[in-house]
Amino acid sequence: MTETEPKTAEDLFRFLDSLNIAHSTKTHPPVFTVAESESLRDEIPGGHTKNLFVKDKKDQYFVLTVEERATVDLKTVHKVIGASSRVSFGRPEMLLEYLGVVPGSVTVFGAFNDTGGNVTFVLDEDLMKHDIINGHPLSNDATTSIGRDDLIRFLEATGHPPLVLKVTD
């Protein structure tokens, strides 16, 4: 496996197992929007996530992981997350290079592919009220459920100690 080849869901699950982090994954048809994924709610308990891949003018990259129905004010969120300027969405090429995923599959679990530490991960305070957090395991045709505290342990183990901040309205 080369450095640039994104890791797979199976690699992610092995990594979680190596950390003794309990996780469960449910496969489903690919979902690209929150609306499409809402059909899965009855089957998968916990907080469901929406992930925004953004950057500031100095090319600092962030993944904002929030509850799926929450809104993020992109005009002001930079003040909360410590960006140098207003943020805009990151380009798909950078998403693939840093997190190993394509648009529609942005996930907090992408930290696993960011071996260069290029991205800061921000978890919304409201999302972290859930005991279980759900995210795509590097592709949007499955949902992986993990404990809130284990998600933080996972991020720390990938070298991405997360910022837990109030980033939603």
Protein backbone atom coordinates (compact mmCIF):
# COMPACT_ATOMS: atom_id res chain seq x y z
CA MET A 1 0.00 0.00 0.00
CA THR A 2 1.45 3.37 -0.97
CA GLU A 3 1.15 6.44 1.22
CA THR A 4 -1.26 8.03 -1.25
CA GLU A 5 -3.59 5.07 -1.51
CA PRO A 6 -6.56 5.72 0.77
CA LYS A 7 -7.22 3.18 3.45
CA THR A 8 -10.38 1.09 3.33
CA ALA A 9 -13.25 0.58 5.73
CA GLU A 10 -11.68 -2.76 6.67
CA ASP A 11 -8.42 -0.96 7.57
CA LEU A 12 -10.44 1.46 9.69
CA PHE A 13 -12.23 -1.37 11.52
CA ARG A 14 -8.91 -3.14 12.23
CA PHE A 15 -7.55 0.14 13.62
CA LEU A 16 -10.61 0.60 15.87
CA ASP A 17 -10.24 -3.02 17.03
CA SER A 18 -6.56 -2.41 17.83
CA LEU A 19 -7.67 0.45 20.10
CA ASN A 20 -10.30 -1.80 21.73
CA ILE A 21 -13.01 0.54 20.46
CA ALA A 22 -16.42 -1.06 20.03
CA HIS A 23 -18.07 -0.21 16.73
CA SER A 24 -20.88 -1.52 14.57
CA THR A 25 -21.49 -0.90 10.90
CA LYS A 26 -24.62 -1.18 8.82
CA THR A 27 -24.37 -1.21 5.03
CA HIS A 28 -27.03 0.56 2.97
CA PRO A 29 -27.48 2.08 -0.47
CA PRO A 30 -25.14 5.05 -1.01
CA VAL A 31 -26.48 8.26 0.50
CA PHE A 32 -25.33 11.67 -0.65
CA THR A 33 -27.55 13.98 1.37
CA VAL A 34 -28.95 14.22 4.86
CA ALA A 35 -32.43 13.80 3.39
CA GLU A 36 -31.44 10.48 1.81
CA SER A 37 -29.84 9.23 5.01
CA GLU A 38 -32.82 10.11 7.20
CA SER A 39 -34.52 6.92 6.05
CA LEU A 40 -31.95 5.00 8.12
CA ARG A 41 -32.84 6.62 11.45
CA ASP A 42 -35.10 3.87 12.74
CA GLU A 43 -32.41 1.27 12.10
CA ILE A 44 -29.40 3.16 13.49
CA PRO A 45 -29.66 4.89 16.88
CA GLY A 46 -27.50 7.78 18.04
CA GLY A 47 -26.37 11.12 16.70
CA HIS A 48 -26.16 11.26 12.93
CA THR A 49 -23.55 13.50 11.41
CA LYS A 50 -23.09 16.02 8.68
CA ASN A 51 -19.46 16.81 7.87
CA LEU A 52 -18.23 20.00 6.24
CA PHE A 53 -14.74 20.09 4.70
CA VAL A 54 -13.69 23.75 4.78
CA LYS A 55 -10.57 25.86 4.49
CA ASP A 56 -9.46 29.38 5.26
CA LYS A 57 -7.43 31.76 3.11
CA LYS A 58 -4.17 30.39 4.56
CA ASP A 59 -5.12 26.89 3.38
CA GLN A 60 -5.77 25.58 6.87
CA TYR A 61 -8.27 22.75 6.48
CA PHE A 62 -11.01 21.75 8.91
CA VAL A 63 -13.70 19.07 9.11
CA LEU A 64 -16.71 20.32 11.04
CA THR A 65 -18.72 17.35 12.32
CA VAL A 66 -22.20 18.41 13.41
CA GLU A 67 -25.61 16.85 14.00
CA GLU A 68 -27.17 16.19 10.61
CA ARG A 69 -29.96 18.79 10.88
CA ALA A 70 -27.81 21.51 12.44
CA THR A 71 -26.86 24.63 10.53
CA VAL A 72 -23.39 26.14 10.44
CA ASP A 73 -22.97 29.83 9.63
CA LEU A 74 -19.99 29.79 7.26
CA LYS A 75 -19.72 33.59 7.56
CA THR A 76 -18.92 33.46 11.28
CA VAL A 77 -17.71 29.94 12.15
CA HIS A 78 -14.08 30.92 11.51
CA LYS A 79 -14.12 32.96 14.74
CA VAL A 80 -15.07 29.85 16.72
CA ILE A 81 -12.66 27.34 15.13
CA GLY A 82 -9.59 29.59 14.99
CA ALA A 83 -9.39 29.95 11.21
CA SER A 84 -7.49 32.96 9.85
CA SER A 85 -10.38 34.15 7.69
CA ARG A 86 -13.86 33.22 6.61
CA VAL A 87 -13.97 29.65 5.44
CA SER A 88 -15.05 28.19 2.13
CA PHE A 89 -15.52 24.60 1.05
CA GLY A 90 -12.33 22.71 0.32
CA ARG A 91 -11.72 21.42 -3.20
CA PRO A 92 -12.56 17.79 -3.98
CA GLU A 93 -8.91 17.12 -4.91
CA MET A 94 -7.79 18.12 -1.41
CA LEU A 95 -10.57 16.09 0.14
CA LEU A 96 -9.30 13.02 -1.68
CA GLU A 97 -5.63 13.80 -0.97
CA TYR A 98 -6.04 14.51 2.74
CA LEU A 99 -9.00 12.36 3.81
CA GLY A 100 -9.10 9.72 1.08
CA VAL A 101 -12.78 10.32 0.34
CA VAL A 102 -14.88 11.89 -2.39
CA PRO A 103 -17.59 14.55 -2.02
CA GLY A 104 -20.67 12.98 -0.45
CA SER A 105 -18.50 10.76 1.74
CA VAL A 106 -16.87 13.37 4.01
CA THR A 107 -16.54 11.78 7.43
CA VAL A 108 -14.89 12.27 10.78
CA PHE A 109 -13.29 8.86 10.13
CA GLY A 110 -11.30 10.50 7.31
CA ALA A 111 -8.80 11.46 10.01
CA PHE A 112 -7.50 7.91 9.56
CA ASN A 113 -6.20 8.83 6.09
CA ASP A 114 -4.73 12.22 7.07
CA THR A 115 -1.32 10.90 8.05
CA GLY A 116 0.22 14.33 7.42
CA GLY A 117 -1.96 16.07 9.98
CA ASN A 118 -3.26 18.55 7.42
CA VAL A 119 -6.79 18.79 8.79
CA THR A 120 -8.17 19.99 12.12
CA PHE A 121 -11.25 18.11 13.30
CA VAL A 122 -13.99 20.04 15.08
CA LEU A 123 -16.82 18.21 16.85
CA ASP A 124 -19.91 20.26 17.61
CA GLU A 125 -20.86 20.45 21.31
CA ASP A 126 -24.50 19.63 20.54
CA LEU A 127 -23.55 16.47 18.63
CA MET A 128 -21.41 15.35 21.57
CA LYS A 129 -24.49 15.18 23.80
CA HIS A 130 -25.25 11.86 22.06
CA ASP A 131 -23.75 8.71 23.58
CA ILE A 132 -23.37 7.15 20.13
CA ILE A 133 -22.06 9.03 17.08
CA ASN A 134 -22.58 7.75 13.53
CA GLY A 135 -20.41 8.41 10.50
CA HIS A 136 -19.51 6.93 7.14
CA PRO A 137 -16.58 4.46 7.32
CA LEU A 138 -14.76 6.21 4.42
CA SER A 139 -17.59 5.60 1.93
CA ASN A 140 -21.24 6.60 1.89
CA ASP A 141 -22.67 3.10 1.49
CA ALA A 142 -22.37 2.25 5.19
CA THR A 143 -22.76 3.88 8.59
CA THR A 144 -20.47 3.11 11.51
CA SER A 145 -21.65 3.70 15.07
CA ILE A 146 -19.10 4.46 17.80
CA GLY A 147 -19.28 5.77 21.35
CA ARG A 148 -18.78 9.50 21.83
CA ASP A 149 -15.71 9.08 24.06
CA ASP A 150 -14.31 6.41 21.74
CA LEU A 151 -14.62 8.83 18.82
CA ILE A 152 -12.37 11.25 20.68
CA ARG A 153 -9.94 8.40 21.47
CA PHE A 154 -9.95 7.43 17.77
CA LEU A 155 -9.17 10.98 16.68
CA GLU A 156 -6.39 11.32 19.26
CA ALA A 157 -4.91 7.99 18.11
CA THR A 158 -4.75 9.32 14.53
CA GLY A 159 -2.89 12.41 15.74
CA HIS A 160 -5.96 14.67 15.52
CA PRO A 161 -6.99 15.72 19.03
CA PRO A 162 -10.39 17.21 18.23
CA LEU A 163 -11.72 20.61 19.17
CA VAL A 164 -15.14 20.28 20.80
CA LEU A 165 -16.81 23.63 20.14
CA LYS A 166 -20.25 25.12 19.59
CA VAL A 167 -20.20 25.62 15.81
CA THR A 168 -23.91 25.34 15.03
CA ASP A 169 -26.74 27.82 15.32
